[in-house]
Amino acid sequence: MLEPAFFTAKRTEVGQYLEDDSILVLFSGFAPHKSADATYTFTVNRNFYYLTGVDREQMILLISKQGGKTTETLFIERADPVMEKWVGKKTTVEEARAASGIAQIRFVDQFTVQLNRIMSNGRYRYLYLDLEQTGWDSPVGKAQQFADEMLKRYPYLSVQNVYPQLAKMRTIKSPEEVSLIKKAIEITKQGILQMWEHARPGQMEYQLEAYFNFTLRAAGVKEHAFAPIVASGGNATILHYEENHHPVKDGSLVLLDLGASYQYYNADISRTFPINGKFSERQKLIYQIVLKAELETIKAVKPGVPFRSLNERTKQVLAEELIKIGLIKKPEELSRYYYHGVSHYLGLDTHDVGEYDRVLAPGMVLTIEPGLYIAEEEIGIRIEDDVLVTETGCEVLSQDLIKTVDEIEAFMAKAKQKSVWIR
């Protein structure tokens, strides 16, 4: 678990970034309405969590800066004895203070009073908000609504987006964050091994997924990093196949793309295996090409390397190998069988925040995930590991999860001998 000192340090770093005469407001979020009296499961806004360590809904962080000095206030929900009988207790002042390291804790029903008191001197000129926007048609969020409301009352304010700065900070992981990612990877690894131990032809994809889900819940994990992909046969040629509702035919490969989320830090691992425990010669040939591309791309990970050059290395290896086996005749044809990037950042979000037009630096955690998707042969293969950029190169954080043909076949043969496979 991250200590309060971690969150205090991050707030200090943000405070140094803020202009003088400014306020920063971040919202923890809320569970969206589903239907009737039901809501979707709440998950905290990751930037709010990154600065507070608190993961309850309807909370607000307020940081003001004047004369080079910052003042921090965390607003939490007030206890409601009646509702506590239905939904449990709210976070207490003591709990919020202990988790965040913020001394001044108030209640959300006091927020506008406190804000008006701050703004009444007329000297604050800047309003910083997390204005992340993924698309033109994305719903208008709480921060945007708040910006509109503030500008009505204080039209002289200059609204600034703190999201790029938070993304920049989150791109470089601390040792404590890396430890949480490693824990998420270990749980993910155990879930994948459980799937392999119980795999057999004729199962449904969702039955395989159930073994993974059980492992996560048994480890105390409540959230997946993303919806699990358990794709057999031709389904594996669909990049984000999530239906997981088809039978797994004997002789087919199963592509897994899975991840646990441990204390909000994510793993993201892909493995591909034969449901009957043995690769066919053709499956083995294609698998070895993907594995070679992954290993060669991992070798290229080191400080100072342009992020986007990793995908070029992947494409180079894949194209060369596919030309050798006659599947394509020239490199330009590779896009028929490989049509995604090889890497993304990993952290509090699975596709974590950060700029890609930059060079790699120590502390970055990223995925390496080449694949080949041959729809006409119903072969889809992806191999993905999570990698930490170090001072001299990189560390493969998911190195302990087997991935060679021989290792996978030996593991499944041993599982079969132990009578784990149900006939």
Protein backbone atom coordinates (compact mmCIF):
# COMPACT_ATOMS: atom_id res chain seq x y z
CA MET A 1 0.00 0.00 0.00
CA LEU A 2 1.25 3.47 -0.84
CA GLU A 3 2.10 5.55 2.20
CA PRO A 4 0.69 9.05 2.82
CA ALA A 5 4.16 10.47 2.12
CA PHE A 6 3.81 9.35 -1.50
CA PHE A 7 0.64 11.38 -2.03
CA THR A 8 2.05 14.34 -0.11
CA ALA A 9 5.08 14.38 -2.41
CA LYS A 10 2.86 14.31 -5.50
CA ARG A 11 0.78 17.24 -4.22
CA THR A 12 3.98 19.16 -3.52
CA GLU A 13 5.12 18.53 -7.10
CA VAL A 14 1.79 19.73 -8.47
CA GLY A 15 1.94 22.77 -6.20
CA GLN A 16 5.29 23.75 -7.69
CA TYR A 17 3.74 23.55 -11.16
CA LEU A 18 0.78 25.81 -10.32
CA GLU A 19 0.96 29.52 -11.06
CA ASP A 20 0.78 31.85 -8.10
CA ASP A 21 -2.74 33.13 -7.31
CA SER A 22 -4.35 29.89 -8.41
CA ILE A 23 -6.63 27.15 -7.15
CA LEU A 24 -6.72 23.48 -8.15
CA VAL A 25 -9.92 21.45 -7.80
CA LEU A 26 -10.13 17.71 -8.38
CA PHE A 27 -13.17 15.44 -8.00
CA SER A 28 -13.12 11.79 -6.94
CA GLY A 29 -16.15 11.00 -9.10
CA PHE A 30 -19.36 9.10 -8.44
CA ALA A 31 -21.10 5.90 -9.48
CA PRO A 32 -23.17 6.62 -12.63
CA HIS A 33 -26.86 5.75 -12.61
CA LYS A 34 -27.70 2.46 -14.31
CA SER A 35 -31.49 2.12 -14.05
CA ALA A 36 -34.22 2.25 -11.42
CA ASP A 37 -32.38 2.49 -8.08
CA ALA A 38 -29.21 0.78 -9.35
CA THR A 39 -25.84 2.37 -10.11
CA TYR A 40 -22.73 1.11 -11.83
CA THR A 41 -19.85 0.10 -9.60
CA PHE A 42 -17.88 3.13 -8.46
CA THR A 43 -14.22 3.45 -9.33
CA VAL A 44 -12.23 6.47 -8.25
CA ASN A 45 -10.86 9.06 -10.67
CA ARG A 46 -7.24 8.02 -11.00
CA ASN A 47 -5.77 11.53 -10.89
CA PHE A 48 -7.70 12.28 -7.71
CA TYR A 49 -6.40 9.07 -6.17
CA TYR A 50 -2.84 9.85 -7.33
CA LEU A 51 -2.86 13.03 -5.24
CA THR A 52 -4.87 11.85 -2.22
CA GLY A 53 -4.76 8.08 -1.74
CA VAL A 54 -8.50 8.22 -0.99
CA ASP A 55 -10.87 6.14 -3.12
CA ARG A 56 -14.40 7.09 -2.05
CA GLU A 57 -16.93 8.90 -4.20
CA GLN A 58 -18.22 12.46 -3.93
CA MET A 59 -14.96 13.86 -2.55
CA ILE A 60 -13.14 17.05 -3.58
CA LEU A 61 -9.52 18.11 -3.33
CA LEU A 62 -8.85 21.86 -3.17
CA ILE A 63 -5.34 23.29 -3.36
CA SER A 64 -4.85 27.05 -3.33
CA LYS A 65 -1.57 28.84 -3.98
CA GLN A 66 -0.71 32.41 -3.12
CA GLY A 67 2.61 34.03 -2.36
CA GLY A 68 4.35 30.77 -3.27
CA LYS A 69 2.55 28.92 -0.46
CA THR A 70 0.01 26.15 -1.02
CA THR A 71 -2.92 25.25 1.20
CA GLU A 72 -4.61 21.83 0.91
CA THR A 73 -8.14 20.88 1.91
CA LEU A 74 -9.89 17.57 1.35
CA PHE A 75 -13.69 17.57 1.40
CA ILE A 76 -15.42 14.31 2.33
CA GLU A 77 -19.05 13.25 2.71
CA ARG A 78 -20.67 13.84 6.07
CA ALA A 79 -21.81 10.76 7.97
CA ASP A 80 -25.50 9.85 7.63
CA PRO A 81 -26.57 7.44 10.42
CA VAL A 82 -29.69 6.36 8.52
CA MET A 83 -27.94 5.59 5.24
CA GLU A 84 -25.10 3.84 7.07
CA LYS A 85 -27.58 1.10 7.96
CA TRP A 86 -28.10 0.49 4.23
CA VAL A 87 -24.74 1.14 2.57
CA GLY A 88 -22.15 1.24 5.36
CA LYS A 89 -20.13 3.96 7.00
CA LYS A 90 -18.60 6.96 5.25
CA THR A 91 -14.92 7.75 5.43
CA THR A 92 -14.16 9.49 8.70
CA VAL A 93 -12.05 12.61 9.11
CA GLU A 94 -9.35 10.54 10.80
CA GLU A 95 -9.31 7.94 8.02
CA ALA A 96 -9.10 10.58 5.29
CA ARG A 97 -6.31 12.39 7.10
CA ALA A 98 -4.36 9.15 7.67
CA ALA A 99 -4.64 8.01 4.04
CA SER A 100 -3.89 11.33 2.35
CA GLY A 101 -1.57 13.15 4.71
CA ILE A 102 -3.82 16.19 4.39
CA ALA A 103 -4.35 17.89 7.74
CA GLN A 104 -7.36 20.02 6.83
CA ILE A 105 -10.42 17.82 6.27
CA ARG A 106 -13.88 19.31 5.79
CA PHE A 107 -17.24 18.16 4.50
CA VAL A 108 -18.45 18.54 0.92
CA ASP A 109 -21.46 20.55 2.06
CA GLN A 110 -18.92 23.18 3.17
CA PHE A 111 -17.09 23.30 -0.16
CA THR A 112 -18.86 26.26 -1.75
CA VAL A 113 -18.60 28.27 1.46
CA GLN A 114 -14.87 27.61 1.63
CA LEU A 115 -14.44 28.34 -2.07
CA ASN A 116 -16.31 31.63 -1.83
CA ARG A 117 -14.16 32.65 1.12
CA ILE A 118 -11.02 32.00 -0.92
CA MET A 119 -12.30 33.79 -4.00
CA SER A 120 -13.69 36.82 -2.14
CA ASN A 121 -10.37 38.67 -2.04
CA GLY A 122 -10.40 38.82 -5.87
CA ARG A 123 -6.72 37.96 -6.16
CA TYR A 124 -7.01 34.44 -7.50
CA ARG A 125 -6.59 34.45 -11.27
CA TYR A 126 -6.15 30.81 -12.30
CA LEU A 127 -8.44 27.78 -11.94
CA TYR A 128 -6.78 24.41 -12.57
CA LEU A 129 -8.98 21.41 -13.34
CA ASP A 130 -8.54 17.91 -14.72
CA LEU A 131 -10.08 18.49 -18.14
CA GLU A 132 -9.19 15.20 -19.78
CA GLN A 133 -11.16 14.87 -23.02
CA THR A 134 -11.00 11.64 -25.03
CA GLY A 135 -13.22 12.78 -27.91
CA TRP A 136 -15.42 15.55 -29.24
CA ASP A 137 -18.58 13.62 -28.40
CA SER A 138 -17.43 12.56 -24.92
CA PRO A 139 -19.93 13.44 -22.17
CA VAL A 140 -19.32 16.71 -20.37
CA GLY A 141 -17.79 15.78 -17.04
CA LYS A 142 -18.02 17.24 -13.57
CA ALA A 143 -14.85 19.31 -14.01
CA GLN A 144 -16.17 20.94 -17.19
CA GLN A 145 -19.50 21.70 -15.54
CA PHE A 146 -17.65 23.21 -12.59
CA ALA A 147 -15.54 25.35 -14.95
CA ASP A 148 -18.68 26.77 -16.55
CA GLU A 149 -20.18 27.53 -13.14
CA MET A 150 -17.01 29.23 -11.90
CA LEU A 151 -16.71 31.41 -15.00
CA LYS A 152 -20.27 32.62 -14.51
CA ARG A 153 -19.39 33.80 -11.04
CA TYR A 154 -15.77 34.83 -11.64
CA PRO A 155 -15.45 35.69 -15.35
CA TYR A 156 -11.95 37.04 -14.86
CA LEU A 157 -10.59 33.57 -14.10
CA SER A 158 -8.27 31.79 -16.51
CA VAL A 159 -9.13 28.09 -16.68
CA GLN A 160 -6.09 25.82 -17.00
CA ASN A 161 -5.95 22.08 -17.68
CA VAL A 162 -3.77 20.27 -15.13
CA TYR A 163 -4.27 16.92 -16.86
CA PRO A 164 -1.07 17.11 -19.02
CA GLN A 165 1.06 17.77 -15.94
CA LEU A 166 -0.49 14.89 -14.02
CA ALA A 167 0.01 12.63 -17.03
CA LYS A 168 3.66 13.65 -17.21
CA MET A 169 4.12 12.87 -13.53
CA ARG A 170 2.35 9.53 -13.76
CA THR A 171 4.52 8.42 -16.68
CA ILE A 172 7.49 7.91 -14.35
CA LYS A 173 6.76 5.34 -11.66
CA SER A 174 8.27 5.33 -8.19
CA PRO A 175 9.67 2.09 -6.72
CA GLU A 176 6.52 1.84 -4.58
CA GLU A 177 4.32 1.98 -7.66
CA VAL A 178 6.43 -0.63 -9.44
CA SER A 179 5.99 -2.93 -6.44
CA LEU A 180 2.20 -2.70 -6.77
CA ILE A 181 2.39 -3.42 -10.50
CA LYS A 182 4.55 -6.47 -9.73
CA LYS A 183 1.92 -7.68 -7.28
CA ALA A 184 -0.79 -7.27 -9.93
CA ILE A 185 1.41 -9.22 -12.36
CA GLU A 186 1.94 -12.05 -9.87
CA ILE A 187 -1.81 -12.42 -9.29
CA THR A 188 -2.40 -12.35 -13.05
CA LYS A 189 0.25 -15.01 -13.53
CA GLN A 190 -1.44 -17.29 -10.99
CA GLY A 191 -4.77 -16.79 -12.73
CA ILE A 192 -3.33 -17.75 -16.11
CA LEU A 193 -1.69 -20.87 -14.69
CA GLN A 194 -5.03 -21.86 -13.16
CA MET A 195 -6.63 -21.56 -16.58
CA TRP A 196 -3.95 -23.71 -18.17
CA GLU A 197 -4.22 -26.37 -15.48
CA HIS A 198 -7.96 -26.73 -16.06
CA ALA A 199 -8.08 -26.21 -19.83
CA ARG A 200 -9.59 -28.92 -22.01
CA PRO A 201 -11.14 -29.12 -25.49
CA GLY A 202 -14.87 -28.49 -25.61
CA GLN A 203 -14.96 -25.97 -22.78
CA MET A 204 -16.62 -22.63 -23.27
CA GLU A 205 -14.40 -19.58 -23.29
CA TYR A 206 -16.25 -18.23 -20.29
CA GLN A 207 -15.50 -21.41 -18.35
CA LEU A 208 -11.80 -20.79 -18.86
CA GLU A 209 -12.28 -17.20 -17.79
CA ALA A 210 -13.99 -18.38 -14.60
CA TYR A 211 -10.75 -19.93 -13.34
CA PHE A 212 -8.98 -16.61 -13.83
CA ASN A 213 -11.75 -14.66 -12.13
CA PHE A 214 -11.77 -17.00 -9.14
CA THR A 215 -8.02 -16.61 -8.67
CA LEU A 216 -8.34 -12.84 -8.61
CA ARG A 217 -11.21 -12.80 -6.12
CA ALA A 218 -9.41 -15.32 -3.91
CA ALA A 219 -6.46 -12.90 -3.84
CA GLY A 220 -8.71 -10.05 -2.74
CA VAL A 221 -8.79 -8.35 -6.14
CA LYS A 222 -12.09 -6.61 -6.86
CA GLU A 223 -11.29 -5.04 -10.23
CA HIS A 224 -9.86 -6.36 -13.45
CA ALA A 225 -7.42 -4.10 -15.24
CA PHE A 226 -9.82 -4.45 -18.20
CA ALA A 227 -12.44 -6.88 -19.45
CA PRO A 228 -10.68 -10.25 -19.92
CA ILE A 229 -10.10 -11.50 -23.45
CA VAL A 230 -10.35 -15.29 -23.81
CA ALA A 231 -10.44 -15.80 -27.57
CA SER A 232 -10.25 -19.21 -29.23
CA GLY A 233 -9.69 -20.02 -32.89
CA GLY A 234 -10.80 -17.28 -35.25
CA ASN A 235 -12.00 -15.13 -32.36
CA ALA A 236 -8.35 -14.48 -31.55
CA THR A 237 -7.98 -12.47 -34.76
CA ILE A 238 -10.34 -9.85 -33.29
CA LEU A 239 -8.13 -7.54 -31.24
CA HIS A 240 -10.60 -6.59 -28.52
CA TYR A 241 -12.82 -9.66 -28.54
CA GLU A 242 -14.61 -9.71 -25.17
CA GLU A 243 -17.63 -11.92 -25.78
CA ASN A 244 -15.92 -15.03 -24.36
CA HIS A 245 -18.99 -17.09 -25.22
CA HIS A 246 -17.89 -19.70 -27.74
CA PRO A 247 -16.80 -23.35 -27.38
CA VAL A 248 -13.08 -24.04 -27.64
CA LYS A 249 -12.55 -26.61 -30.37
CA ASP A 250 -9.94 -29.32 -30.12
CA GLY A 251 -6.79 -28.26 -31.95
CA SER A 252 -7.42 -24.54 -31.63
CA LEU A 253 -5.30 -21.90 -29.95
CA VAL A 254 -6.63 -19.68 -27.18
CA LEU A 255 -5.39 -16.09 -26.92
CA LEU A 256 -5.50 -14.63 -23.42
CA ASP A 257 -5.21 -10.91 -22.72
CA LEU A 258 -5.75 -10.37 -19.01
CA GLY A 259 -4.80 -8.31 -16.03
CA ALA A 260 -5.47 -7.92 -12.33
CA SER A 261 -5.76 -4.49 -10.75
CA TYR A 262 -4.05 -4.40 -7.37
CA GLN A 263 -4.65 -1.27 -5.29
CA TYR A 264 -5.51 0.42 -8.61
CA TYR A 265 -2.22 -0.51 -10.30
CA ASN A 266 -2.61 -2.80 -13.29
CA ALA A 267 -1.05 -5.77 -15.00
CA ASP A 268 -1.56 -6.43 -18.71
CA ILE A 269 -0.35 -9.80 -19.98
CA SER A 270 -1.07 -11.84 -23.10
CA ARG A 271 -0.32 -15.50 -23.65
CA THR A 272 -1.48 -17.90 -26.36
CA PHE A 273 -1.76 -21.65 -25.79
CA PRO A 274 -3.15 -24.79 -27.46
CA ILE A 275 -6.32 -26.04 -25.78
CA ASN A 276 -5.25 -29.68 -26.15
CA GLY A 277 -1.74 -29.02 -24.85
CA LYS A 278 0.16 -29.38 -28.14
CA PHE A 279 0.89 -26.81 -30.84
CA SER A 280 0.47 -27.97 -34.42
CA GLU A 281 3.50 -27.41 -36.65
CA ARG A 282 1.85 -24.42 -38.30
CA GLN A 283 0.78 -22.93 -34.97
CA LYS A 284 4.28 -23.45 -33.61
CA LEU A 285 5.85 -21.73 -36.63
CA ILE A 286 3.68 -18.63 -36.30
CA TYR A 287 4.10 -18.60 -32.51
CA GLN A 288 7.88 -18.64 -32.79
CA ILE A 289 7.76 -15.63 -35.11
CA VAL A 290 5.69 -13.63 -32.65
CA LEU A 291 7.95 -14.64 -29.78
CA LYS A 292 11.04 -13.61 -31.73
CA ALA A 293 9.48 -10.21 -32.44
CA GLU A 294 8.68 -9.76 -28.76
CA LEU A 295 12.17 -10.69 -27.58
CA GLU A 296 13.85 -8.47 -30.18
CA THR A 297 11.61 -5.54 -29.27
CA ILE A 298 12.33 -5.99 -25.56
CA LYS A 299 16.05 -5.83 -26.37
CA ALA A 300 15.45 -2.39 -27.89
CA VAL A 301 13.93 -0.96 -24.69
CA LYS A 302 16.41 1.40 -23.05
CA PRO A 303 16.63 5.07 -22.02
CA GLY A 304 16.89 7.52 -24.90
CA VAL A 305 15.14 5.29 -27.43
CA PRO A 306 12.18 6.96 -29.18
CA PHE A 307 8.99 5.29 -27.98
CA ARG A 308 7.58 4.93 -31.47
CA SER A 309 10.72 3.17 -32.73
CA LEU A 310 9.70 0.07 -30.75
CA ASN A 311 6.83 -0.64 -33.11
CA GLU A 312 9.12 -0.18 -36.10
CA ARG A 313 11.43 -2.84 -34.70
CA THR A 314 8.48 -5.18 -34.19
CA LYS A 315 7.24 -4.66 -37.71
CA GLN A 316 10.71 -5.22 -39.13
CA VAL A 317 11.05 -8.62 -37.45
CA LEU A 318 7.53 -9.75 -38.28
CA ALA A 319 7.83 -8.72 -41.91
CA GLU A 320 11.19 -10.43 -42.37
CA GLU A 321 9.91 -13.68 -40.89
CA LEU A 322 6.61 -13.70 -42.78
CA ILE A 323 8.48 -13.15 -46.05
CA LYS A 324 10.70 -16.13 -45.21
CA ILE A 325 7.69 -18.45 -44.82
CA GLY A 326 5.94 -17.02 -47.88
CA LEU A 327 2.91 -15.54 -46.12
CA ILE A 328 3.71 -12.10 -47.53
CA LYS A 329 5.97 -10.98 -50.37
CA LYS A 330 6.92 -7.49 -49.21
CA PRO A 331 6.96 -5.57 -45.91
CA GLU A 332 4.02 -3.36 -46.89
CA GLU A 333 1.74 -6.41 -46.75
CA LEU A 334 2.36 -6.93 -43.03
CA SER A 335 -0.66 -4.80 -42.14
CA ARG A 336 -2.88 -7.68 -43.28
CA TYR A 337 -1.72 -9.67 -40.25
CA TYR A 338 -0.45 -7.10 -37.75
CA TYR A 339 -2.51 -3.97 -37.24
CA HIS A 340 -1.84 -2.46 -33.82
CA GLY A 341 0.98 -0.82 -31.92
CA VAL A 342 3.39 -2.91 -29.89
CA SER A 343 3.38 -0.87 -26.69
CA HIS A 344 1.57 1.44 -24.33
CA TYR A 345 2.21 2.81 -20.85
CA LEU A 346 0.94 0.85 -17.86
CA GLY A 347 0.04 2.03 -14.38
CA LEU A 348 -3.10 3.37 -12.71
CA ASP A 349 -4.78 2.95 -16.09
CA THR A 350 -4.15 -0.05 -18.32
CA HIS A 351 -3.54 2.22 -21.29
CA ASP A 352 -1.87 4.65 -18.96
CA VAL A 353 -1.56 8.38 -19.50
CA GLY A 354 1.51 10.00 -21.02
CA GLU A 355 2.90 11.35 -24.29
CA TYR A 356 4.20 8.93 -26.91
CA ASP A 357 6.21 11.47 -28.89
CA ARG A 358 9.13 11.22 -26.52
CA VAL A 359 12.08 9.02 -25.69
CA LEU A 360 12.05 6.29 -23.07
CA ALA A 361 13.24 7.20 -19.59
CA PRO A 362 13.97 5.25 -16.40
CA GLY A 363 10.83 4.60 -14.37
CA MET A 364 8.49 4.15 -17.32
CA VAL A 365 6.45 0.95 -17.30
CA LEU A 366 5.19 -0.23 -20.66
CA THR A 367 3.89 -3.28 -22.44
CA ILE A 368 5.54 -5.14 -25.31
CA GLU A 369 2.85 -7.04 -27.21
CA PRO A 370 3.45 -8.11 -30.83
CA GLY A 371 0.91 -10.33 -32.52
CA LEU A 372 -0.09 -12.01 -35.77
CA TYR A 373 -3.71 -12.50 -36.78
CA ILE A 374 -4.27 -14.83 -39.73
CA ALA A 375 -8.04 -14.92 -40.12
CA GLU A 376 -8.05 -17.36 -43.05
CA GLU A 377 -6.26 -19.94 -40.88
CA GLU A 378 -8.12 -19.06 -37.66
CA ILE A 379 -4.80 -18.36 -35.98
CA GLY A 380 -4.44 -15.39 -33.67
CA ILE A 381 -1.33 -15.12 -31.50
CA ARG A 382 -0.25 -12.35 -29.15
CA ILE A 383 2.48 -12.47 -26.51
CA GLU A 384 2.64 -9.58 -24.08
CA ASP A 385 4.89 -8.74 -21.15
CA ASP A 386 5.18 -5.73 -18.85
CA VAL A 387 8.54 -3.97 -18.85
CA LEU A 388 10.21 -1.39 -16.60
CA VAL A 389 12.72 0.97 -18.20
CA THR A 390 15.88 1.05 -16.07
CA GLU A 391 19.01 3.20 -16.13
CA THR A 392 20.81 0.78 -18.45
CA GLY A 393 18.03 -1.07 -20.27
CA CYS A 394 14.90 -2.73 -18.99
CA GLU A 395 13.51 -5.28 -16.56
CA VAL A 396 10.77 -7.65 -17.70
CA LEU A 397 8.41 -7.55 -14.73
CA SER A 398 6.40 -10.55 -15.96
CA GLN A 399 9.46 -12.66 -16.75
CA ASP A 400 8.38 -15.48 -14.42
CA LEU A 401 5.34 -16.42 -16.54
CA ILE A 402 6.42 -19.08 -19.03
CA LYS A 403 5.98 -18.38 -22.73
CA THR A 404 8.08 -20.67 -24.93
CA VAL A 405 6.45 -23.51 -26.85
CA ASP A 406 8.34 -26.15 -24.89
CA GLU A 407 7.51 -24.55 -21.52
CA ILE A 408 3.80 -24.28 -22.26
CA GLU A 409 3.51 -27.82 -23.64
CA ALA A 410 5.44 -29.25 -20.67
CA PHE A 411 3.26 -27.39 -18.18
CA MET A 412 0.04 -28.62 -19.77
CA ALA A 413 1.33 -32.18 -20.11
CA LYS A 414 2.13 -32.21 -16.40
CA ALA A 415 -1.31 -30.85 -15.57
CA LYS A 416 -2.90 -33.59 -17.66
CA GLN A 417 -0.87 -36.25 -15.85
CA LYS A 418 -2.16 -34.93 -12.53
CA SER A 419 -5.69 -35.67 -13.80
CA VAL A 420 -6.62 -32.00 -13.64
CA TRP A 421 -8.30 -32.23 -17.02
CA ILE A 422 -11.87 -33.42 -16.63
CA ARG A 423 -12.98 -35.93 -19.21
